[in-house]
Amino acid sequence: MQTLTINIEDGFLEDFLAIVEHYKDKIHIQKDKNLEYDPYFYERQKQLQQDVEDIDNGKIELLSQKQYEKEMDNFFAELKST
């Protein structure tokens, strides 16, 4: 058996299920557990992978906790002064 991922447009799911109903002995439909818990799981996963790549190749600087706190203090101080 082979596994495929199929993206179905909103509003077409019922029609799709009616089409594959005739082949239910050959097609097994299973919901993705990741999407049951978080409907944006794959988008978040892709963004996280891109963030890690950007950090690894130096495109984005990763701050230490101390650096981050200093930057945030400066940011809030700047907001108060305007």
PDB file of N, CA and C in Angstrom:
ATOM      1  N   MET A   1       0.845  -1.182   0.000  1.00  0.00           N
ATOM      2  CA  MET A   1       0.000   0.000   0.000  1.00  0.00           C
ATOM      3  C   MET A   1       0.885   1.237   0.000  1.00  0.00           C
ATOM      4  N   GLN A   2       0.463   2.289  -0.678  1.00  0.00           N
ATOM      5  CA  GLN A   2       1.179   3.557  -0.725  1.00  0.00           C
ATOM      6  C   GLN A   2       0.369   4.608   0.019  1.00  0.00           C
ATOM      7  N   THR A   3       1.063   5.579   0.562  1.00  0.00           N
ATOM      8  CA  THR A   3       0.412   6.662   1.286  1.00  0.00           C
ATOM      9  C   THR A   3       0.615   7.962   0.529  1.00  0.00           C
ATOM     10  N   LEU A   4      -0.459   8.706   0.348  1.00  0.00           N
ATOM     11  CA  LEU A   4      -0.425  10.001  -0.318  1.00  0.00           C
ATOM     12  C   LEU A   4      -1.081  11.040   0.579  1.00  0.00           C
ATOM     13  N   THR A   5      -0.701  12.279   0.394  1.00  0.00           N
ATOM     14  CA  THR A   5      -1.388  13.383   1.052  1.00  0.00           C
ATOM     15  C   THR A   5      -2.178  14.112  -0.012  1.00  0.00           C
ATOM     16  N   ILE A   6      -3.441  14.359   0.264  1.00  0.00           N
ATOM     17  CA  ILE A   6      -4.308  15.038  -0.693  1.00  0.00           C
ATOM     18  C   ILE A   6      -4.877  16.279  -0.021  1.00  0.00           C
ATOM     19  N   ASN A   7      -4.703  17.418  -0.665  1.00  0.00           N
ATOM     20  CA  ASN A   7      -5.298  18.659  -0.173  1.00  0.00           C
ATOM     21  C   ASN A   7      -6.614  18.877  -0.906  1.00  0.00           C
ATOM     22  N   ILE A   8      -7.683  19.022  -0.146  1.00  0.00           N
ATOM     23  CA  ILE A   8      -9.013  19.165  -0.723  1.00  0.00           C
ATOM     24  C   ILE A   8      -9.535  20.556  -0.385  1.00  0.00           C
ATOM     25  N   GLU A   9     -10.015  21.257  -1.400  1.00  0.00           N
ATOM     26  CA  GLU A   9     -10.536  22.602  -1.193  1.00  0.00           C
ATOM     27  C   GLU A   9     -11.751  22.571  -0.270  1.00  0.00           C
ATOM     28  N   ASP A  10     -11.885  23.645   0.508  1.00  0.00           N
ATOM     29  CA  ASP A  10     -13.060  23.777   1.365  1.00  0.00           C
ATOM     30  C   ASP A  10     -14.314  23.666   0.514  1.00  0.00           C
ATOM     31  N   GLY A  11     -15.293  22.984   1.017  1.00  0.00           N
ATOM     32  CA  GLY A  11     -16.548  22.842   0.288  1.00  0.00           C
ATOM     33  C   GLY A  11     -16.586  21.662  -0.670  1.00  0.00           C
ATOM     34  N   PHE A  12     -15.441  21.037  -0.937  1.00  0.00           N
ATOM     35  CA  PHE A  12     -15.402  19.911  -1.876  1.00  0.00           C
ATOM     36  C   PHE A  12     -15.269  18.570  -1.154  1.00  0.00           C
ATOM     37  N   LEU A  13     -15.083  18.600   0.156  1.00  0.00           N
ATOM     38  CA  LEU A  13     -14.833  17.364   0.895  1.00  0.00           C
ATOM     39  C   LEU A  13     -15.953  16.345   0.724  1.00  0.00           C
ATOM     40  N   GLU A  14     -17.187  16.770   0.869  1.00  0.00           N
ATOM     41  CA  GLU A  14     -18.305  15.829   0.761  1.00  0.00           C
ATOM     42  C   GLU A  14     -18.357  15.199  -0.637  1.00  0.00           C
ATOM     43  N   ASP A  15     -18.129  15.999  -1.670  1.00  0.00           N
ATOM     44  CA  ASP A  15     -18.111  15.457  -3.035  1.00  0.00           C
ATOM     45  C   ASP A  15     -16.975  14.450  -3.203  1.00  0.00           C
ATOM     46  N   PHE A  16     -15.807  14.798  -2.660  1.00  0.00           N
ATOM     47  CA  PHE A  16     -14.658  13.893  -2.755  1.00  0.00           C
ATOM     48  C   PHE A  16     -14.953  12.564  -2.064  1.00  0.00           C
ATOM     49  N   LEU A  17     -15.519  12.635  -0.871  1.00  0.00           N
ATOM     50  CA  LEU A  17     -15.841  11.410  -0.135  1.00  0.00           C
ATOM     51  C   LEU A  17     -16.874  10.571  -0.886  1.00  0.00           C
ATOM     52  N   ALA A  18     -17.809  11.223  -1.556  1.00  0.00           N
ATOM     53  CA  ALA A  18     -18.799  10.486  -2.354  1.00  0.00           C
ATOM     54  C   ALA A  18     -18.131   9.782  -3.525  1.00  0.00           C
ATOM     55  N   ILE A  19     -17.133  10.427  -4.126  1.00  0.00           N
ATOM     56  CA  ILE A  19     -16.415   9.821  -5.252  1.00  0.00           C
ATOM     57  C   ILE A  19     -15.637   8.587  -4.803  1.00  0.00           C
ATOM     58  N   VAL A  20     -14.916   8.686  -3.702  1.00  0.00           N
ATOM     59  CA  VAL A  20     -14.075   7.559  -3.271  1.00  0.00           C
ATOM     60  C   VAL A  20     -14.864   6.489  -2.518  1.00  0.00           C
ATOM     61  N   GLU A  21     -16.116   6.761  -2.199  1.00  0.00           N
ATOM     62  CA  GLU A  21     -16.951   5.782  -1.506  1.00  0.00           C
ATOM     63  C   GLU A  21     -17.014   4.464  -2.276  1.00  0.00           C
ATOM     64  N   HIS A  22     -17.020   4.536  -3.595  1.00  0.00           N
ATOM     65  CA  HIS A  22     -17.100   3.333  -4.428  1.00  0.00           C
ATOM     66  C   HIS A  22     -15.837   2.475  -4.321  1.00  0.00           C
ATOM     67  N   TYR A  23     -14.766   3.059  -3.808  1.00  0.00           N
ATOM     68  CA  TYR A  23     -13.484   2.342  -3.713  1.00  0.00           C
ATOM     69  C   TYR A  23     -13.052   2.135  -2.264  1.00  0.00           C
ATOM     70  N   LYS A  24     -13.997   2.129  -1.339  1.00  0.00           N
ATOM     71  CA  LYS A  24     -13.642   2.058   0.084  1.00  0.00           C
ATOM     72  C   LYS A  24     -12.898   0.777   0.448  1.00  0.00           C
ATOM     73  N   ASP A  25     -12.997  -0.254  -0.369  1.00  0.00           N
ATOM     74  CA  ASP A  25     -12.234  -1.469  -0.101  1.00  0.00           C
ATOM     75  C   ASP A  25     -10.769  -1.333  -0.545  1.00  0.00           C
ATOM     76  N   LYS A  26     -10.483  -0.292  -1.353  1.00  0.00           N
ATOM     77  CA  LYS A  26      -9.122  -0.088  -1.851  1.00  0.00           C
ATOM     78  C   LYS A  26      -8.465   1.181  -1.299  1.00  0.00           C
ATOM     79  N   ILE A  27      -9.283   2.099  -0.769  1.00  0.00           N
ATOM     80  CA  ILE A  27      -8.775   3.372  -0.248  1.00  0.00           C
ATOM     81  C   ILE A  27      -9.128   3.467   1.233  1.00  0.00           C
ATOM     82  N   HIS A  28      -8.128   3.753   2.037  1.00  0.00           N
ATOM     83  CA  HIS A  28      -8.344   3.934   3.475  1.00  0.00           C
ATOM     84  C   HIS A  28      -8.053   5.392   3.818  1.00  0.00           C
ATOM     85  N   ILE A  29      -9.071   6.100   4.286  1.00  0.00           N
ATOM     86  CA  ILE A  29      -8.917   7.515   4.616  1.00  0.00           C
ATOM     87  C   ILE A  29      -8.706   7.638   6.122  1.00  0.00           C
ATOM     88  N   GLN A  30      -7.671   8.368   6.465  1.00  0.00           N
ATOM     89  CA  GLN A  30      -7.317   8.548   7.867  1.00  0.00           C
ATOM     90  C   GLN A  30      -6.975  10.020   8.090  1.00  0.00           C
ATOM     91  N   LYS A  31      -7.525  10.612   9.143  1.00  0.00           N
ATOM     92  CA  LYS A  31      -7.216  12.001   9.452  1.00  0.00           C
ATOM     93  C   LYS A  31      -5.821  12.085  10.050  1.00  0.00           C
ATOM     94  N   ASP A  32      -5.135  13.160   9.740  1.00  0.00           N
ATOM     95  CA  ASP A  32      -3.797  13.410  10.264  1.00  0.00           C
ATOM     96  C   ASP A  32      -3.930  13.876  11.713  1.00  0.00           C
ATOM     97  N   LYS A  33      -3.361  13.113  12.643  1.00  0.00           N
ATOM     98  CA  LYS A  33      -3.454  13.451  14.073  1.00  0.00           C
ATOM     99  C   LYS A  33      -2.889  14.836  14.356  1.00  0.00           C
ATOM    100  N   ASN A  34      -1.811  15.217  13.671  1.00  0.00           N
ATOM    101  CA  ASN A  34      -1.222  16.537  13.891  1.00  0.00           C
ATOM    102  C   ASN A  34      -2.236  17.646  13.612  1.00  0.00           C
ATOM    103  N   LEU A  35      -3.046  17.459  12.580  1.00  0.00           N
ATOM    104  CA  LEU A  35      -4.017  18.485  12.213  1.00  0.00           C
ATOM    105  C   LEU A  35      -5.225  18.487  13.137  1.00  0.00           C
ATOM    106  N   GLU A  36      -5.491  17.381  13.801  1.00  0.00           N
ATOM    107  CA  GLU A  36      -6.586  17.352  14.763  1.00  0.00           C
ATOM    108  C   GLU A  36      -6.256  18.238  15.963  1.00  0.00           C
ATOM    109  N   TYR A  37      -5.002  18.239  16.390  1.00  0.00           N
ATOM    110  CA  TYR A  37      -4.579  19.036  17.540  1.00  0.00           C
ATOM    111  C   TYR A  37      -4.289  20.480  17.164  1.00  0.00           C
ATOM    112  N   ASP A  38      -3.777  20.686  15.960  1.00  0.00           N
ATOM    113  CA  ASP A  38      -3.370  22.021  15.513  1.00  0.00           C
ATOM    114  C   ASP A  38      -3.588  22.116  14.011  1.00  0.00           C
ATOM    115  N   PRO A  39      -4.621  22.822  13.571  1.00  0.00           N
ATOM    116  CA  PRO A  39      -4.904  22.883  12.129  1.00  0.00           C
ATOM    117  C   PRO A  39      -3.809  23.573  11.325  1.00  0.00           C
ATOM    118  N   TYR A  40      -2.901  24.282  11.983  1.00  0.00           N
ATOM    119  CA  TYR A  40      -1.815  24.975  11.289  1.00  0.00           C
ATOM    120  C   TYR A  40      -0.467  24.297  11.525  1.00  0.00           C
ATOM    121  N   PHE A  41      -0.498  23.023  11.919  1.00  0.00           N
ATOM    122  CA  PHE A  41       0.724  22.296  12.279  1.00  0.00           C
ATOM    123  C   PHE A  41       1.796  22.378  11.200  1.00  0.00           C
ATOM    124  N   TYR A  42       1.438  22.080   9.963  1.00  0.00           N
ATOM    125  CA  TYR A  42       2.444  22.014   8.901  1.00  0.00           C
ATOM    126  C   TYR A  42       2.969  23.393   8.514  1.00  0.00           C
ATOM    127  N   GLU A  43       2.108  24.408   8.581  1.00  0.00           N
ATOM    128  CA  GLU A  43       2.587  25.767   8.319  1.00  0.00           C
ATOM    129  C   GLU A  43       3.594  26.190   9.389  1.00  0.00           C
ATOM    130  N   ARG A  44       3.279  25.882  10.657  1.00  0.00           N
ATOM    131  CA  ARG A  44       4.191  26.225  11.754  1.00  0.00           C
ATOM    132  C   ARG A  44       5.504  25.435  11.631  1.00  0.00           C
ATOM    133  N   GLN A  45       5.405  24.165  11.278  1.00  0.00           N
ATOM    134  CA  GLN A  45       6.591  23.330  11.125  1.00  0.00           C
ATOM    135  C   GLN A  45       7.498  23.893  10.029  1.00  0.00           C
ATOM    136  N   LYS A  46       6.904  24.292   8.913  1.00  0.00           N
ATOM    137  CA  LYS A  46       7.677  24.851   7.806  1.00  0.00           C
ATOM    138  C   LYS A  46       8.366  26.151   8.233  1.00  0.00           C
ATOM    139  N   GLN A  47       7.645  27.015   8.943  1.00  0.00           N
ATOM    140  CA  GLN A  47       8.217  28.281   9.392  1.00  0.00           C
ATOM    141  C   GLN A  47       9.349  28.038  10.385  1.00  0.00           C
ATOM    142  N   LEU A  48       9.170  27.090  11.285  1.00  0.00           N
ATOM    143  CA  LEU A  48      10.212  26.774  12.258  1.00  0.00           C
ATOM    144  C   LEU A  48      11.470  26.255  11.561  1.00  0.00           C
ATOM    145  N   GLN A  49      11.299  25.396  10.578  1.00  0.00           N
ATOM    146  CA  GLN A  49      12.445  24.895   9.821  1.00  0.00           C
ATOM    147  C   GLN A  49      13.173  26.027   9.106  1.00  0.00           C
ATOM    148  N   GLN A  50      12.398  26.968   8.542  1.00  0.00           N
ATOM    149  CA  GLN A  50      13.001  28.117   7.865  1.00  0.00           C
ATOM    150  C   GLN A  50      13.748  29.002   8.859  1.00  0.00           C
ATOM    151  N   ASP A  51      13.175  29.202  10.042  1.00  0.00           N
ATOM    152  CA  ASP A  51      13.840  30.007  11.082  1.00  0.00           C
ATOM    153  C   ASP A  51      15.168  29.379  11.495  1.00  0.00           C
ATOM    154  N   VAL A  52      15.181  28.068  11.678  1.00  0.00           N
ATOM    155  CA  VAL A  52      16.409  27.368  12.064  1.00  0.00           C
ATOM    156  C   VAL A  52      17.466  27.507  10.966  1.00  0.00           C
ATOM    157  N   GLU A  53      17.047  27.346   9.708  1.00  0.00           N
ATOM    158  CA  GLU A  53      17.990  27.521   8.589  1.00  0.00           C
ATOM    159  C   GLU A  53      18.549  28.937   8.565  1.00  0.00           C
ATOM    160  N   ASP A  54      17.684  29.937   8.777  1.00  0.00           N
ATOM    161  CA  ASP A  54      18.126  31.332   8.774  1.00  0.00           C
ATOM    162  C   ASP A  54      19.121  31.610   9.902  1.00  0.00           C
ATOM    163  N   ILE A  55      18.916  31.002  11.050  1.00  0.00           N
ATOM    164  CA  ILE A  55      19.855  31.156  12.172  1.00  0.00           C
ATOM    165  C   ILE A  55      21.168  30.468  11.840  1.00  0.00           C
ATOM    166  N   ASP A  56      21.075  29.247  11.303  1.00  0.00           N
ATOM    167  CA  ASP A  56      22.292  28.484  10.980  1.00  0.00           C
ATOM    168  C   ASP A  56      23.154  29.162   9.923  1.00  0.00           C
ATOM    169  N   ASN A  57      22.530  29.788   8.925  1.00  0.00           N
ATOM    170  CA  ASN A  57      23.322  30.407   7.868  1.00  0.00           C
ATOM    171  C   ASN A  57      23.639  31.884   8.141  1.00  0.00           C
ATOM    172  N   GLY A  58      23.272  32.354   9.337  1.00  0.00           N
ATOM    173  CA  GLY A  58      23.632  33.710   9.734  1.00  0.00           C
ATOM    174  C   GLY A  58      22.714  34.796   9.219  1.00  0.00           C
ATOM    175  N   LYS A  59      21.640  34.420   8.585  1.00  0.00           N
ATOM    176  CA  LYS A  59      20.695  35.398   8.049  1.00  0.00           C
ATOM    177  C   LYS A  59      19.962  36.134   9.176  1.00  0.00           C
ATOM    178  N   ILE A  60      19.730  35.422  10.278  1.00  0.00           N
ATOM    179  CA  ILE A  60      19.073  35.989  11.459  1.00  0.00           C
ATOM    180  C   ILE A  60      19.989  35.760  12.666  1.00  0.00           C
ATOM    181  N   GLU A  61      20.105  36.786  13.503  1.00  0.00           N
ATOM    182  CA  GLU A  61      20.945  36.676  14.699  1.00  0.00           C
ATOM    183  C   GLU A  61      20.097  36.155  15.858  1.00  0.00           C
ATOM    184  N   LEU A  62      20.605  35.173  16.539  1.00  0.00           N
ATOM    185  CA  LEU A  62      19.941  34.626  17.719  1.00  0.00           C
ATOM    186  C   LEU A  62      20.537  35.305  18.941  1.00  0.00           C
ATOM    187  N   LEU A  63      19.693  35.956  19.734  1.00  0.00           N
ATOM    188  CA  LEU A  63      20.155  36.687  20.914  1.00  0.00           C
ATOM    189  C   LEU A  63      20.133  35.801  22.148  1.00  0.00           C
ATOM    190  N   SER A  64      21.070  36.070  23.053  1.00  0.00           N
ATOM    191  CA  SER A  64      21.025  35.411  24.355  1.00  0.00           C
ATOM    192  C   SER A  64      19.888  36.032  25.155  1.00  0.00           C
ATOM    193  N   GLN A  65      19.515  35.412  26.237  1.00  0.00           N
ATOM    194  CA  GLN A  65      18.438  35.947  27.077  1.00  0.00           C
ATOM    195  C   GLN A  65      18.789  37.349  27.569  1.00  0.00           C
ATOM    196  N   LYS A  66      20.042  37.543  27.954  1.00  0.00           N
ATOM    197  CA  LYS A  66      20.494  38.845  28.455  1.00  0.00           C
ATOM    198  C   LYS A  66      20.425  39.903  27.344  1.00  0.00           C
ATOM    199  N   GLN A  67      20.881  39.543  26.148  1.00  0.00           N
ATOM    200  CA  GLN A  67      20.819  40.477  25.017  1.00  0.00           C
ATOM    201  C   GLN A  67      19.370  40.833  24.681  1.00  0.00           C
ATOM    202  N   TYR A  68      18.522  39.822  24.711  1.00  0.00           N
ATOM    203  CA  TYR A  68      17.104  40.034  24.410  1.00  0.00           C
ATOM    204  C   TYR A  68      16.489  41.010  25.410  1.00  0.00           C
ATOM    205  N   GLU A  69      16.734  40.786  26.689  1.00  0.00           N
ATOM    206  CA  GLU A  69      16.174  41.662  27.722  1.00  0.00           C
ATOM    207  C   GLU A  69      16.667  43.090  27.552  1.00  0.00           C
ATOM    208  N   LYS A  70      17.944  43.251  27.214  1.00  0.00           N
ATOM    209  CA  LYS A  70      18.498  44.590  27.000  1.00  0.00           C
ATOM    210  C   LYS A  70      17.818  45.261  25.807  1.00  0.00           C
ATOM    211  N   GLU A  71      17.666  44.517  24.708  1.00  0.00           N
ATOM    212  CA  GLU A  71      17.002  45.059  23.526  1.00  0.00           C
ATOM    213  C   GLU A  71      15.554  45.460  23.830  1.00  0.00           C
ATOM    214  N   MET A  72      14.853  44.647  24.580  1.00  0.00           N
ATOM    215  CA  MET A  72      13.464  44.957  24.933  1.00  0.00           C
ATOM    216  C   MET A  72      13.395  46.173  25.847  1.00  0.00           C
ATOM    217  N   ASP A  73      14.304  46.277  26.820  1.00  0.00           N
ATOM    218  CA  ASP A  73      14.343  47.454  27.692  1.00  0.00           C
ATOM    219  C   ASP A  73      14.559  48.712  26.876  1.00  0.00           C
ATOM    220  N   ASN A  74      15.486  48.657  25.918  1.00  0.00           N
ATOM    221  CA  ASN A  74      15.748  49.802  25.043  1.00  0.00           C
ATOM    222  C   ASN A  74      14.514  50.139  24.199  1.00  0.00           C
ATOM    223  N   PHE A  75      13.856  49.115  23.708  1.00  0.00           N
ATOM    224  CA  PHE A  75      12.668  49.310  22.877  1.00  0.00           C
ATOM    225  C   PHE A  75      11.565  50.010  23.674  1.00  0.00           C
ATOM    226  N   PHE A  76      11.290  49.522  24.893  1.00  0.00           N
ATOM    227  CA  PHE A  76      10.236  50.128  25.705  1.00  0.00           C
ATOM    228  C   PHE A  76      10.605  51.542  26.149  1.00  0.00           C
ATOM    229  N   ALA A  77      11.881  51.765  26.437  1.00  0.00           N
ATOM    230  CA  ALA A  77      12.330  53.103  26.804  1.00  0.00           C
ATOM    231  C   ALA A  77      12.116  54.067  25.629  1.00  0.00           C
ATOM    232  N   GLU A  78      12.392  53.585  24.434  1.00  0.00           N
ATOM    233  CA  GLU A  78      12.210  54.407  23.237  1.00  0.00           C
ATOM    234  C   GLU A  78      10.718  54.709  23.013  1.00  0.00           C
ATOM    235  N   LEU A  79       9.870  53.742  23.281  1.00  0.00           N
ATOM    236  CA  LEU A  79       8.438  53.976  23.131  1.00  0.00           C
ATOM    237  C   LEU A  79       7.934  55.039  24.111  1.00  0.00           C
ATOM    238  N   LYS A  80       8.430  54.991  25.329  1.00  0.00           N
ATOM    239  CA  LYS A  80       8.003  55.953  26.359  1.00  0.00           C
ATOM    240  C   LYS A  80       8.467  57.366  26.010  1.00  0.00           C
ATOM    241  N   SER A  81       9.597  57.490  25.347  1.00  0.00           N
ATOM    242  CA  SER A  81      10.152  58.816  25.061  1.00  0.00           C
ATOM    243  C   SER A  81       9.468  59.494  23.870  1.00  0.00           C
ATOM    244  N   THR A  82       8.661  58.743  23.122  1.00  0.00           N
ATOM    245  CA  THR A  82       8.019  59.361  21.947  1.00  0.00           C
ATOM    246  C   THR A  82       6.614  59.829  22.251  1.00  0.00           C
TER     247      THR A  82
END
